[in-house]
Amino acid sequence: KDTACTRFTEALLELAGTDPSERDLNPYY
């Protein structure tokens, strides 16, 4: 999952104004 999705996930989190490295405590993620 990380290989398939991380680049896109980090871009989405950054565009949403959230920490691109945070998952567990990121409500948007």
mmCIF file of all heavy atoms, coordinates in Angstrom:
data_MODEL
# 
_entry.id   MODEL 
# 
loop_
_atom_site.group_PDB 
_atom_site.id 
_atom_site.type_symbol 
_atom_site.label_atom_id 
_atom_site.label_alt_id 
_atom_site.label_comp_id 
_atom_site.label_asym_id 
_atom_site.label_entity_id 
_atom_site.label_seq_id 
_atom_site.pdbx_PDB_ins_code 
_atom_site.Cartn_x 
_atom_site.Cartn_y 
_atom_site.Cartn_z 
_atom_site.occupancy 
_atom_site.B_iso_or_equiv 
_atom_site.pdbx_formal_charge 
_atom_site.auth_seq_id 
_atom_site.auth_comp_id 
_atom_site.auth_asym_id 
_atom_site.auth_atom_id 
_atom_site.pdbx_PDB_model_num 
ATOM 1   N N   . LYS A 1 1  ? 0.817  -1.212 0.000  1.00 0.00 ? 1  LYS A N   1 
ATOM 2   C CA  . LYS A 1 1  ? 0.000  0.000  0.000  1.00 0.00 ? 1  LYS A CA  1 
ATOM 3   C C   . LYS A 1 1  ? 0.851  1.262  0.000  1.00 0.00 ? 1  LYS A C   1 
ATOM 4   O O   . LYS A 1 1  ? 0.532  2.232  -0.708 1.00 0.00 ? 1  LYS A O   1 
ATOM 5   C CB  . LYS A 1 1  ? -0.953 0.007  1.195  1.00 0.00 ? 1  LYS A CB  1 
ATOM 6   C CG  . LYS A 1 1  ? -1.868 1.231  1.241  1.00 0.00 ? 1  LYS A CG  1 
ATOM 7   C CD  . LYS A 1 1  ? -2.901 1.136  2.329  1.00 0.00 ? 1  LYS A CD  1 
ATOM 8   C CE  . LYS A 1 1  ? -2.349 1.385  3.703  1.00 0.00 ? 1  LYS A CE  1 
ATOM 9   N NZ  . LYS A 1 1  ? -1.964 2.800  3.923  1.00 0.00 ? 1  LYS A NZ  1 
ATOM 10  N N   . ASP A 1 2  ? 1.924  1.270  0.771  1.00 0.00 ? 2  ASP A N   1 
ATOM 11  C CA  . ASP A 1 2  ? 2.752  2.469  0.830  1.00 0.00 ? 2  ASP A CA  1 
ATOM 12  C C   . ASP A 1 2  ? 3.402  2.772  -0.520 1.00 0.00 ? 2  ASP A C   1 
ATOM 13  O O   . ASP A 1 2  ? 3.425  3.914  -0.972 1.00 0.00 ? 2  ASP A O   1 
ATOM 14  C CB  . ASP A 1 2  ? 3.827  2.316  1.906  1.00 0.00 ? 2  ASP A CB  1 
ATOM 15  C CG  . ASP A 1 2  ? 3.245  2.320  3.308  1.00 0.00 ? 2  ASP A CG  1 
ATOM 16  O OD1 . ASP A 1 2  ? 2.151  2.885  3.489  1.00 0.00 ? 2  ASP A OD1 1 
ATOM 17  O OD2 . ASP A 1 2  ? 3.879  1.761  4.212  1.00 0.00 ? 2  ASP A OD2 1 
ATOM 18  N N   . THR A 1 3  ? 3.920  1.753  -1.174 1.00 0.00 ? 3  THR A N   1 
ATOM 19  C CA  . THR A 1 3  ? 4.545  1.957  -2.479 1.00 0.00 ? 3  THR A CA  1 
ATOM 20  C C   . THR A 1 3  ? 3.523  2.432  -3.500 1.00 0.00 ? 3  THR A C   1 
ATOM 21  O O   . THR A 1 3  ? 3.795  3.343  -4.299 1.00 0.00 ? 3  THR A O   1 
ATOM 22  C CB  . THR A 1 3  ? 5.200  0.655  -2.976 1.00 0.00 ? 3  THR A CB  1 
ATOM 23  O OG1 . THR A 1 3  ? 6.173  0.224  -2.029 1.00 0.00 ? 3  THR A OG1 1 
ATOM 24  C CG2 . THR A 1 3  ? 5.875  0.862  -4.316 1.00 0.00 ? 3  THR A CG2 1 
ATOM 25  N N   . ALA A 1 4  ? 2.339  1.818  -3.485 1.00 0.00 ? 4  ALA A N   1 
ATOM 26  C CA  . ALA A 1 4  ? 1.321  2.157  -4.480 1.00 0.00 ? 4  ALA A CA  1 
ATOM 27  C C   . ALA A 1 4  ? 0.736  3.546  -4.274 1.00 0.00 ? 4  ALA A C   1 
ATOM 28  O O   . ALA A 1 4  ? 0.355  4.209  -5.256 1.00 0.00 ? 4  ALA A O   1 
ATOM 29  C CB  . ALA A 1 4  ? 0.200  1.112  -4.438 1.00 0.00 ? 4  ALA A CB  1 
ATOM 30  N N   . CYS A 1 5  ? 0.673  4.017  -3.024 1.00 0.00 ? 5  CYS A N   1 
ATOM 31  C CA  . CYS A 1 5  ? -0.142 5.198  -2.739 1.00 0.00 ? 5  CYS A CA  1 
ATOM 32  C C   . CYS A 1 5  ? 0.574  6.384  -2.106 1.00 0.00 ? 5  CYS A C   1 
ATOM 33  O O   . CYS A 1 5  ? 0.034  7.500  -2.125 1.00 0.00 ? 5  CYS A O   1 
ATOM 34  C CB  . CYS A 1 5  ? -1.305 4.795  -1.827 1.00 0.00 ? 5  CYS A CB  1 
ATOM 35  S SG  . CYS A 1 5  ? -2.362 3.495  -2.480 1.00 0.00 ? 5  CYS A SG  1 
ATOM 36  N N   . THR A 1 6  ? 1.750  6.199  -1.502 1.00 0.00 ? 6  THR A N   1 
ATOM 37  C CA  . THR A 1 6  ? 2.325  7.249  -0.666 1.00 0.00 ? 6  THR A CA  1 
ATOM 38  C C   . THR A 1 6  ? 2.527  8.570  -1.402 1.00 0.00 ? 6  THR A C   1 
ATOM 39  O O   . THR A 1 6  ? 2.222  9.644  -0.861 1.00 0.00 ? 6  THR A O   1 
ATOM 40  C CB  . THR A 1 6  ? 3.655  6.782  -0.045 1.00 0.00 ? 6  THR A CB  1 
ATOM 41  O OG1 . THR A 1 6  ? 3.372  5.782  0.941  1.00 0.00 ? 6  THR A OG1 1 
ATOM 42  C CG2 . THR A 1 6  ? 4.377  7.939  0.631  1.00 0.00 ? 6  THR A CG2 1 
ATOM 43  N N   . ARG A 1 7  ? 3.044  8.543  -2.623 1.00 0.00 ? 7  ARG A N   1 
ATOM 44  C CA  . ARG A 1 7  ? 3.288  9.811  -3.335 1.00 0.00 ? 7  ARG A CA  1 
ATOM 45  C C   . ARG A 1 7  ? 1.991  10.594 -3.523 1.00 0.00 ? 7  ARG A C   1 
ATOM 46  O O   . ARG A 1 7  ? 1.953  11.814 -3.325 1.00 0.00 ? 7  ARG A O   1 
ATOM 47  C CB  . ARG A 1 7  ? 3.944  9.540  -4.685 1.00 0.00 ? 7  ARG A CB  1 
ATOM 48  C CG  . ARG A 1 7  ? 5.368  9.000  -4.586 1.00 0.00 ? 7  ARG A CG  1 
ATOM 49  C CD  . ARG A 1 7  ? 5.973  8.798  -5.966 1.00 0.00 ? 7  ARG A CD  1 
ATOM 50  N NE  . ARG A 1 7  ? 7.260  8.129  -5.892 1.00 0.00 ? 7  ARG A NE  1 
ATOM 51  C CZ  . ARG A 1 7  ? 8.424  8.731  -5.680 1.00 0.00 ? 7  ARG A CZ  1 
ATOM 52  N NH1 . ARG A 1 7  ? 8.452  10.044 -5.510 1.00 0.00 ? 7  ARG A NH1 1 
ATOM 53  N NH2 . ARG A 1 7  ? 9.552  8.042  -5.633 1.00 0.00 ? 7  ARG A NH2 1 
ATOM 54  N N   . PHE A 1 8  ? 0.925  9.897  -3.899 1.00 0.00 ? 8  PHE A N   1 
ATOM 55  C CA  . PHE A 1 8  ? -0.353 10.576 -4.097 1.00 0.00 ? 8  PHE A CA  1 
ATOM 56  C C   . PHE A 1 8  ? -0.960 11.000 -2.759 1.00 0.00 ? 8  PHE A C   1 
ATOM 57  O O   . PHE A 1 8  ? -1.510 12.091 -2.642 1.00 0.00 ? 8  PHE A O   1 
ATOM 58  C CB  . PHE A 1 8  ? -1.318 9.650  -4.843 1.00 0.00 ? 8  PHE A CB  1 
ATOM 59  C CG  . PHE A 1 8  ? -0.861 9.282  -6.216 1.00 0.00 ? 8  PHE A CG  1 
ATOM 60  C CD1 . PHE A 1 8  ? -0.297 8.044  -6.465 1.00 0.00 ? 8  PHE A CD1 1 
ATOM 61  C CD2 . PHE A 1 8  ? -0.973 10.183 -7.265 1.00 0.00 ? 8  PHE A CD2 1 
ATOM 62  C CE1 . PHE A 1 8  ? 0.152  7.700  -7.726 1.00 0.00 ? 8  PHE A CE1 1 
ATOM 63  C CE2 . PHE A 1 8  ? -0.540 9.846  -8.529 1.00 0.00 ? 8  PHE A CE2 1 
ATOM 64  C CZ  . PHE A 1 8  ? 0.029  8.610  -8.776 1.00 0.00 ? 8  PHE A CZ  1 
ATOM 65  N N   . THR A 1 9  ? -0.843 10.147 -1.761 1.00 0.00 ? 9  THR A N   1 
ATOM 66  C CA  . THR A 1 9  ? -1.381 10.473 -0.444 1.00 0.00 ? 9  THR A CA  1 
ATOM 67  C C   . THR A 1 9  ? -0.716 11.723 0.125  1.00 0.00 ? 9  THR A C   1 
ATOM 68  O O   . THR A 1 9  ? -1.395 12.637 0.630  1.00 0.00 ? 9  THR A O   1 
ATOM 69  C CB  . THR A 1 9  ? -1.191 9.287  0.521  1.00 0.00 ? 9  THR A CB  1 
ATOM 70  O OG1 . THR A 1 9  ? -2.008 8.199  0.072  1.00 0.00 ? 9  THR A OG1 1 
ATOM 71  C CG2 . THR A 1 9  ? -1.576 9.659  1.941  1.00 0.00 ? 9  THR A CG2 1 
ATOM 72  N N   . GLU A 1 10 ? 0.598  11.785 0.055  1.00 0.00 ? 10 GLU A N   1 
ATOM 73  C CA  . GLU A 1 10 ? 1.300  12.954 0.583  1.00 0.00 ? 10 GLU A CA  1 
ATOM 74  C C   . GLU A 1 10 ? 0.908  14.229 -0.159 1.00 0.00 ? 10 GLU A C   1 
ATOM 75  O O   . GLU A 1 10 ? 0.757  15.295 0.446  1.00 0.00 ? 10 GLU A O   1 
ATOM 76  C CB  . GLU A 1 10 ? 2.805  12.729 0.513  1.00 0.00 ? 10 GLU A CB  1 
ATOM 77  C CG  . GLU A 1 10 ? 3.289  11.682 1.523  1.00 0.00 ? 10 GLU A CG  1 
ATOM 78  C CD  . GLU A 1 10 ? 4.788  11.455 1.468  1.00 0.00 ? 10 GLU A CD  1 
ATOM 79  O OE1 . GLU A 1 10 ? 5.425  11.932 0.499  1.00 0.00 ? 10 GLU A OE1 1 
ATOM 80  O OE2 . GLU A 1 10 ? 5.319  10.802 2.388  1.00 0.00 ? 10 GLU A OE2 1 
ATOM 81  N N   . ALA A 1 11 ? 0.723  14.126 -1.476 1.00 0.00 ? 11 ALA A N   1 
ATOM 82  C CA  . ALA A 1 11 ? 0.299  15.297 -2.243 1.00 0.00 ? 11 ALA A CA  1 
ATOM 83  C C   . ALA A 1 11 ? -1.095 15.746 -1.820 1.00 0.00 ? 11 ALA A C   1 
ATOM 84  O O   . ALA A 1 11 ? -1.354 16.951 -1.659 1.00 0.00 ? 11 ALA A O   1 
ATOM 85  C CB  . ALA A 1 11 ? 0.326  14.974 -3.741 1.00 0.00 ? 11 ALA A CB  1 
ATOM 86  N N   . LEU A 1 12 ? -2.011 14.798 -1.618 1.00 0.00 ? 12 LEU A N   1 
ATOM 87  C CA  . LEU A 1 12 ? -3.369 15.145 -1.189 1.00 0.00 ? 12 LEU A CA  1 
ATOM 88  C C   . LEU A 1 12 ? -3.366 15.784 0.196  1.00 0.00 ? 12 LEU A C   1 
ATOM 89  O O   . LEU A 1 12 ? -4.074 16.778 0.435  1.00 0.00 ? 12 LEU A O   1 
ATOM 90  C CB  . LEU A 1 12 ? -4.246 13.892 -1.176 1.00 0.00 ? 12 LEU A CB  1 
ATOM 91  C CG  . LEU A 1 12 ? -4.674 13.336 -2.534 1.00 0.00 ? 12 LEU A CG  1 
ATOM 92  C CD1 . LEU A 1 12 ? -5.329 11.965 -2.365 1.00 0.00 ? 12 LEU A CD1 1 
ATOM 93  C CD2 . LEU A 1 12 ? -5.629 14.289 -3.232 1.00 0.00 ? 12 LEU A CD2 1 
ATOM 94  N N   . LEU A 1 13 ? -2.579 15.232 1.108  1.00 0.00 ? 13 LEU A N   1 
ATOM 95  C CA  . LEU A 1 13 ? -2.538 15.786 2.458  1.00 0.00 ? 13 LEU A CA  1 
ATOM 96  C C   . LEU A 1 13 ? -1.947 17.196 2.466  1.00 0.00 ? 13 LEU A C   1 
ATOM 97  O O   . LEU A 1 13 ? -2.400 18.074 3.208  1.00 0.00 ? 13 LEU A O   1 
ATOM 98  C CB  . LEU A 1 13 ? -1.734 14.863 3.378  1.00 0.00 ? 13 LEU A CB  1 
ATOM 99  C CG  . LEU A 1 13 ? -2.309 13.456 3.590  1.00 0.00 ? 13 LEU A CG  1 
ATOM 100 C CD1 . LEU A 1 13 ? -1.428 12.663 4.554  1.00 0.00 ? 13 LEU A CD1 1 
ATOM 101 C CD2 . LEU A 1 13 ? -3.734 13.517 4.095  1.00 0.00 ? 13 LEU A CD2 1 
ATOM 102 N N   . GLU A 1 14 ? -0.939 17.391 1.645  1.00 0.00 ? 14 GLU A N   1 
ATOM 103 C CA  . GLU A 1 14 ? -0.326 18.726 1.572  1.00 0.00 ? 14 GLU A CA  1 
ATOM 104 C C   . GLU A 1 14 ? -1.291 19.729 0.956  1.00 0.00 ? 14 GLU A C   1 
ATOM 105 O O   . GLU A 1 14 ? -1.412 20.872 1.433  1.00 0.00 ? 14 GLU A O   1 
ATOM 106 C CB  . GLU A 1 14 ? 0.961  18.651 0.763  1.00 0.00 ? 14 GLU A CB  1 
ATOM 107 C CG  . GLU A 1 14 ? 1.793  19.927 0.845  1.00 0.00 ? 14 GLU A CG  1 
ATOM 108 C CD  . GLU A 1 14 ? 3.194  19.738 0.295  1.00 0.00 ? 14 GLU A CD  1 
ATOM 109 O OE1 . GLU A 1 14 ? 3.510  18.631 -0.192 1.00 0.00 ? 14 GLU A OE1 1 
ATOM 110 O OE2 . GLU A 1 14 ? 3.969  20.706 0.359  1.00 0.00 ? 14 GLU A OE2 1 
ATOM 111 N N   . LEU A 1 15 ? -1.998 19.332 -0.105 1.00 0.00 ? 15 LEU A N   1 
ATOM 112 C CA  . LEU A 1 15 ? -2.974 20.225 -0.730 1.00 0.00 ? 15 LEU A CA  1 
ATOM 113 C C   . LEU A 1 15 ? -4.102 20.594 0.235  1.00 0.00 ? 15 LEU A C   1 
ATOM 114 O O   . LEU A 1 15 ? -4.665 21.687 0.154  1.00 0.00 ? 15 LEU A O   1 
ATOM 115 C CB  . LEU A 1 15 ? -3.566 19.562 -1.974 1.00 0.00 ? 15 LEU A CB  1 
ATOM 116 C CG  . LEU A 1 15 ? -2.662 19.515 -3.205 1.00 0.00 ? 15 LEU A CG  1 
ATOM 117 C CD1 . LEU A 1 15 ? -3.267 18.621 -4.282 1.00 0.00 ? 15 LEU A CD1 1 
ATOM 118 C CD2 . LEU A 1 15 ? -2.440 20.925 -3.755 1.00 0.00 ? 15 LEU A CD2 1 
ATOM 119 N N   . ALA A 1 16 ? -4.399 19.671 1.147  1.00 0.00 ? 16 ALA A N   1 
ATOM 120 C CA  . ALA A 1 16 ? -5.454 19.927 2.143  1.00 0.00 ? 16 ALA A CA  1 
ATOM 121 C C   . ALA A 1 16 ? -4.951 20.759 3.317  1.00 0.00 ? 16 ALA A C   1 
ATOM 122 O O   . ALA A 1 16 ? -5.718 21.064 4.234  1.00 0.00 ? 16 ALA A O   1 
ATOM 123 C CB  . ALA A 1 16 ? -6.021 18.604 2.655  1.00 0.00 ? 16 ALA A CB  1 
ATOM 124 N N   . GLY A 1 17 ? -3.669 21.109 3.295  1.00 0.00 ? 17 GLY A N   1 
ATOM 125 C CA  . GLY A 1 17 ? -3.110 21.927 4.365  1.00 0.00 ? 17 GLY A CA  1 
ATOM 126 C C   . GLY A 1 17 ? -2.803 21.155 5.625  1.00 0.00 ? 17 GLY A C   1 
ATOM 127 O O   . GLY A 1 17 ? -2.741 21.736 6.716  1.00 0.00 ? 17 GLY A O   1 
ATOM 128 N N   . THR A 1 18 ? -2.589 19.839 5.505  1.00 0.00 ? 18 THR A N   1 
ATOM 129 C CA  . THR A 1 18 ? -2.276 19.024 6.669  1.00 0.00 ? 18 THR A CA  1 
ATOM 130 C C   . THR A 1 18 ? -0.856 18.471 6.535  1.00 0.00 ? 18 THR A C   1 
ATOM 131 O O   . THR A 1 18 ? -0.220 18.586 5.495  1.00 0.00 ? 18 THR A O   1 
ATOM 132 C CB  . THR A 1 18 ? -3.270 17.857 6.816  1.00 0.00 ? 18 THR A CB  1 
ATOM 133 O OG1 . THR A 1 18 ? -3.081 16.924 5.744  1.00 0.00 ? 18 THR A OG1 1 
ATOM 134 C CG2 . THR A 1 18 ? -4.708 18.367 6.783  1.00 0.00 ? 18 THR A CG2 1 
ATOM 135 N N   . ASP A 1 19 ? -0.383 17.852 7.598  1.00 0.00 ? 19 ASP A N   1 
ATOM 136 C CA  . ASP A 1 19 ? 0.964  17.291 7.624  1.00 0.00 ? 19 ASP A CA  1 
ATOM 137 C C   . ASP A 1 19 ? 1.011  16.061 6.707  1.00 0.00 ? 19 ASP A C   1 
ATOM 138 O O   . ASP A 1 19 ? 0.325  15.068 6.965  1.00 0.00 ? 19 ASP A O   1 
ATOM 139 C CB  . ASP A 1 19 ? 1.316  16.888 9.060  1.00 0.00 ? 19 ASP A CB  1 
ATOM 140 C CG  . ASP A 1 19 ? 2.734  16.348 9.201  1.00 0.00 ? 19 ASP A CG  1 
ATOM 141 O OD1 . ASP A 1 19 ? 3.384  16.089 8.170  1.00 0.00 ? 19 ASP A OD1 1 
ATOM 142 O OD2 . ASP A 1 19 ? 3.185  16.168 10.346 1.00 0.00 ? 19 ASP A OD2 1 
ATOM 143 N N   . PRO A 1 20 ? 1.803  16.098 5.633  1.00 0.00 ? 20 PRO A N   1 
ATOM 144 C CA  . PRO A 1 20 ? 1.827  14.961 4.693  1.00 0.00 ? 20 PRO A CA  1 
ATOM 145 C C   . PRO A 1 20 ? 2.404  13.679 5.281  1.00 0.00 ? 20 PRO A C   1 
ATOM 146 O O   . PRO A 1 20 ? 2.217  12.607 4.700  1.00 0.00 ? 20 PRO A O   1 
ATOM 147 C CB  . PRO A 1 20 ? 2.703  15.479 3.541  1.00 0.00 ? 20 PRO A CB  1 
ATOM 148 C CG  . PRO A 1 20 ? 3.535  16.560 4.140  1.00 0.00 ? 20 PRO A CG  1 
ATOM 149 C CD  . PRO A 1 20 ? 2.681  17.200 5.188  1.00 0.00 ? 20 PRO A CD  1 
ATOM 150 N N   . SER A 1 21 ? 3.077  13.768 6.421  1.00 0.00 ? 21 SER A N   1 
ATOM 151 C CA  . SER A 1 21 ? 3.660  12.564 7.021  1.00 0.00 ? 21 SER A CA  1 
ATOM 152 C C   . SER A 1 21 ? 2.799  11.974 8.133  1.00 0.00 ? 21 SER A C   1 
ATOM 153 O O   . SER A 1 21 ? 3.105  10.897 8.646  1.00 0.00 ? 21 SER A O   1 
ATOM 154 C CB  . SER A 1 21 ? 5.057  12.869 7.577  1.00 0.00 ? 21 SER A CB  1 
ATOM 155 O OG  . SER A 1 21 ? 4.975  13.781 8.659  1.00 0.00 ? 21 SER A OG  1 
ATOM 156 N N   . GLU A 1 22 ? 1.715  12.648 8.505  1.00 0.00 ? 22 GLU A N   1 
ATOM 157 C CA  . GLU A 1 22 ? 0.881  12.178 9.617  1.00 0.00 ? 22 GLU A CA  1 
ATOM 158 C C   . GLU A 1 22 ? -0.326 11.405 9.087  1.00 0.00 ? 22 GLU A C   1 
ATOM 159 O O   . GLU A 1 22 ? -0.990 11.829 8.153  1.00 0.00 ? 22 GLU A O   1 
ATOM 160 C CB  . GLU A 1 22 ? 0.397  13.355 10.465 1.00 0.00 ? 22 GLU A CB  1 
ATOM 161 C CG  . GLU A 1 22 ? -0.532 12.966 11.619 1.00 0.00 ? 22 GLU A CG  1 
ATOM 162 C CD  . GLU A 1 22 ? 0.102  11.939 12.541 1.00 0.00 ? 22 GLU A CD  1 
ATOM 163 O OE1 . GLU A 1 22 ? 1.202  12.210 13.082 1.00 0.00 ? 22 GLU A OE1 1 
ATOM 164 O OE2 . GLU A 1 22 ? -0.483 10.857 12.704 1.00 0.00 ? 22 GLU A OE2 1 
ATOM 165 N N   . ARG A 1 23 ? -0.578 10.252 9.674  1.00 0.00 ? 23 ARG A N   1 
ATOM 166 C CA  . ARG A 1 23 ? -1.713 9.423  9.283  1.00 0.00 ? 23 ARG A CA  1 
ATOM 167 C C   . ARG A 1 23 ? -2.663 9.196  10.468 1.00 0.00 ? 23 ARG A C   1 
ATOM 168 O O   . ARG A 1 23 ? -3.832 9.532  10.406 1.00 0.00 ? 23 ARG A O   1 
ATOM 169 C CB  . ARG A 1 23 ? -1.231 8.051  8.771  1.00 0.00 ? 23 ARG A CB  1 
ATOM 170 C CG  . ARG A 1 23 ? -0.249 8.113  7.608  1.00 0.00 ? 23 ARG A CG  1 
ATOM 171 C CD  . ARG A 1 23 ? -0.878 8.545  6.311  1.00 0.00 ? 23 ARG A CD  1 
ATOM 172 N NE  . ARG A 1 23 ? 0.034  8.340  5.202  1.00 0.00 ? 23 ARG A NE  1 
ATOM 173 C CZ  . ARG A 1 23 ? 0.971  9.196  4.816  1.00 0.00 ? 23 ARG A CZ  1 
ATOM 174 N NH1 . ARG A 1 23 ? 1.127  10.334 5.495  1.00 0.00 ? 23 ARG A NH1 1 
ATOM 175 N NH2 . ARG A 1 23 ? 1.749  8.952  3.779  1.00 0.00 ? 23 ARG A NH2 1 
ATOM 176 N N   . ASP A 1 24 ? -2.149 8.637  11.550 1.00 0.00 ? 24 ASP A N   1 
ATOM 177 C CA  . ASP A 1 24 ? -2.999 8.209  12.663 1.00 0.00 ? 24 ASP A CA  1 
ATOM 178 C C   . ASP A 1 24 ? -3.813 9.356  13.261 1.00 0.00 ? 24 ASP A C   1 
ATOM 179 O O   . ASP A 1 24 ? -4.967 9.157  13.650 1.00 0.00 ? 24 ASP A O   1 
ATOM 180 C CB  . ASP A 1 24 ? -2.153 7.558  13.762 1.00 0.00 ? 24 ASP A CB  1 
ATOM 181 C CG  . ASP A 1 24 ? -1.460 6.290  13.282 1.00 0.00 ? 24 ASP A CG  1 
ATOM 182 O OD1 . ASP A 1 24 ? -1.948 5.679  12.312 1.00 0.00 ? 24 ASP A OD1 1 
ATOM 183 O OD2 . ASP A 1 24 ? -0.430 5.911  13.875 1.00 0.00 ? 24 ASP A OD2 1 
ATOM 184 N N   . LEU A 1 25 ? -3.218 10.531 13.354 1.00 0.00 ? 25 LEU A N   1 
ATOM 185 C CA  . LEU A 1 25 ? -3.885 11.672 13.999 1.00 0.00 ? 25 LEU A CA  1 
ATOM 186 C C   . LEU A 1 25 ? -4.323 12.735 12.997 1.00 0.00 ? 25 LEU A C   1 
ATOM 187 O O   . LEU A 1 25 ? -4.528 13.885 13.366 1.00 0.00 ? 25 LEU A O   1 
ATOM 188 C CB  . LEU A 1 25 ? -2.948 12.293 15.049 1.00 0.00 ? 25 LEU A CB  1 
ATOM 189 C CG  . LEU A 1 25 ? -2.473 11.345 16.155 1.00 0.00 ? 25 LEU A CG  1 
ATOM 190 C CD1 . LEU A 1 25 ? -1.551 12.071 17.125 1.00 0.00 ? 25 LEU A CD1 1 
ATOM 191 C CD2 . LEU A 1 25 ? -3.649 10.724 16.890 1.00 0.00 ? 25 LEU A CD2 1 
ATOM 192 N N   . ASN A 1 26 ? -4.467 12.349 11.745 1.00 0.00 ? 26 ASN A N   1 
ATOM 193 C CA  . ASN A 1 26 ? -4.853 13.286 10.688 1.00 0.00 ? 26 ASN A CA  1 
ATOM 194 C C   . ASN A 1 26 ? -6.301 13.013 10.281 1.00 0.00 ? 26 ASN A C   1 
ATOM 195 O O   . ASN A 1 26 ? -6.571 12.063 9.549  1.00 0.00 ? 26 ASN A O   1 
ATOM 196 C CB  . ASN A 1 26 ? -3.923 13.122 9.481  1.00 0.00 ? 26 ASN A CB  1 
ATOM 197 C CG  . ASN A 1 26 ? -4.138 14.202 8.432  1.00 0.00 ? 26 ASN A CG  1 
ATOM 198 O OD1 . ASN A 1 26 ? -5.249 14.682 8.243  1.00 0.00 ? 26 ASN A OD1 1 
ATOM 199 N ND2 . ASN A 1 26 ? -3.066 14.567 7.750  1.00 0.00 ? 26 ASN A ND2 1 
ATOM 200 N N   . PRO A 1 27 ? -7.257 13.842 10.737 1.00 0.00 ? 27 PRO A N   1 
ATOM 201 C CA  . PRO A 1 27 ? -8.673 13.583 10.426 1.00 0.00 ? 27 PRO A CA  1 
ATOM 202 C C   . PRO A 1 27 ? -8.955 13.558 8.920  1.00 0.00 ? 27 PRO A C   1 
ATOM 203 O O   . PRO A 1 27 ? -9.791 12.765 8.467  1.00 0.00 ? 27 PRO A O   1 
ATOM 204 C CB  . PRO A 1 27 ? -9.410 14.745 11.106 1.00 0.00 ? 27 PRO A CB  1 
ATOM 205 C CG  . PRO A 1 27 ? -8.480 15.200 12.184 1.00 0.00 ? 27 PRO A CG  1 
ATOM 206 C CD  . PRO A 1 27 ? -7.101 15.002 11.637 1.00 0.00 ? 27 PRO A CD  1 
ATOM 207 N N   . TYR A 1 28 ? -8.270 14.410 8.156  1.00 0.00 ? 28 TYR A N   1 
ATOM 208 C CA  . TYR A 1 28 ? -8.506 14.424 6.710  1.00 0.00 ? 28 TYR A CA  1 
ATOM 209 C C   . TYR A 1 28 ? -8.074 13.108 6.075  1.00 0.00 ? 28 TYR A C   1 
ATOM 210 O O   . TYR A 1 28 ? -8.782 12.543 5.232  1.00 0.00 ? 28 TYR A O   1 
ATOM 211 C CB  . TYR A 1 28 ? -7.757 15.595 6.067  1.00 0.00 ? 28 TYR A CB  1 
ATOM 212 C CG  . TYR A 1 28 ? -7.943 15.655 4.563  1.00 0.00 ? 28 TYR A CG  1 
ATOM 213 C CD1 . TYR A 1 28 ? -9.153 16.074 4.015  1.00 0.00 ? 28 TYR A CD1 1 
ATOM 214 C CD2 . TYR A 1 28 ? -6.913 15.277 3.699  1.00 0.00 ? 28 TYR A CD2 1 
ATOM 215 C CE1 . TYR A 1 28 ? -9.332 16.112 2.642  1.00 0.00 ? 28 TYR A CE1 1 
ATOM 216 C CE2 . TYR A 1 28 ? -7.087 15.314 2.326  1.00 0.00 ? 28 TYR A CE2 1 
ATOM 217 C CZ  . TYR A 1 28 ? -8.299 15.731 1.805  1.00 0.00 ? 28 TYR A CZ  1 
ATOM 218 O OH  . TYR A 1 28 ? -8.472 15.762 0.441  1.00 0.00 ? 28 TYR A OH  1 
ATOM 219 N N   . TYR A 1 29 ? -6.916 12.606 6.481  1.00 0.00 ? 29 TYR A N   1 
ATOM 220 C CA  . TYR A 1 29 ? -6.465 11.320 5.957  1.00 0.00 ? 29 TYR A CA  1 
ATOM 221 C C   . TYR A 1 29 ? -7.455 10.218 6.330  1.00 0.00 ? 29 TYR A C   1 
ATOM 222 O O   . TYR A 1 29 ? -7.841 9.398  5.488  1.00 0.00 ? 29 TYR A O   1 
ATOM 223 C CB  . TYR A 1 29 ? -5.085 10.973 6.509  1.00 0.00 ? 29 TYR A CB  1 
ATOM 224 C CG  . TYR A 1 29 ? -4.650 9.560  6.165  1.00 0.00 ? 29 TYR A CG  1 
ATOM 225 C CD1 . TYR A 1 29 ? -4.172 9.256  4.901  1.00 0.00 ? 29 TYR A CD1 1 
ATOM 226 C CD2 . TYR A 1 29 ? -4.749 8.538  7.111  1.00 0.00 ? 29 TYR A CD2 1 
ATOM 227 C CE1 . TYR A 1 29 ? -3.802 7.955  4.577  1.00 0.00 ? 29 TYR A CE1 1 
ATOM 228 C CE2 . TYR A 1 29 ? -4.376 7.243  6.799  1.00 0.00 ? 29 TYR A CE2 1 
ATOM 229 C CZ  . TYR A 1 29 ? -3.903 6.954  5.532  1.00 0.00 ? 29 TYR A CZ  1 
ATOM 230 O OH  . TYR A 1 29 ? -3.553 5.660  5.218  1.00 0.00 ? 29 TYR A OH  1 
# 
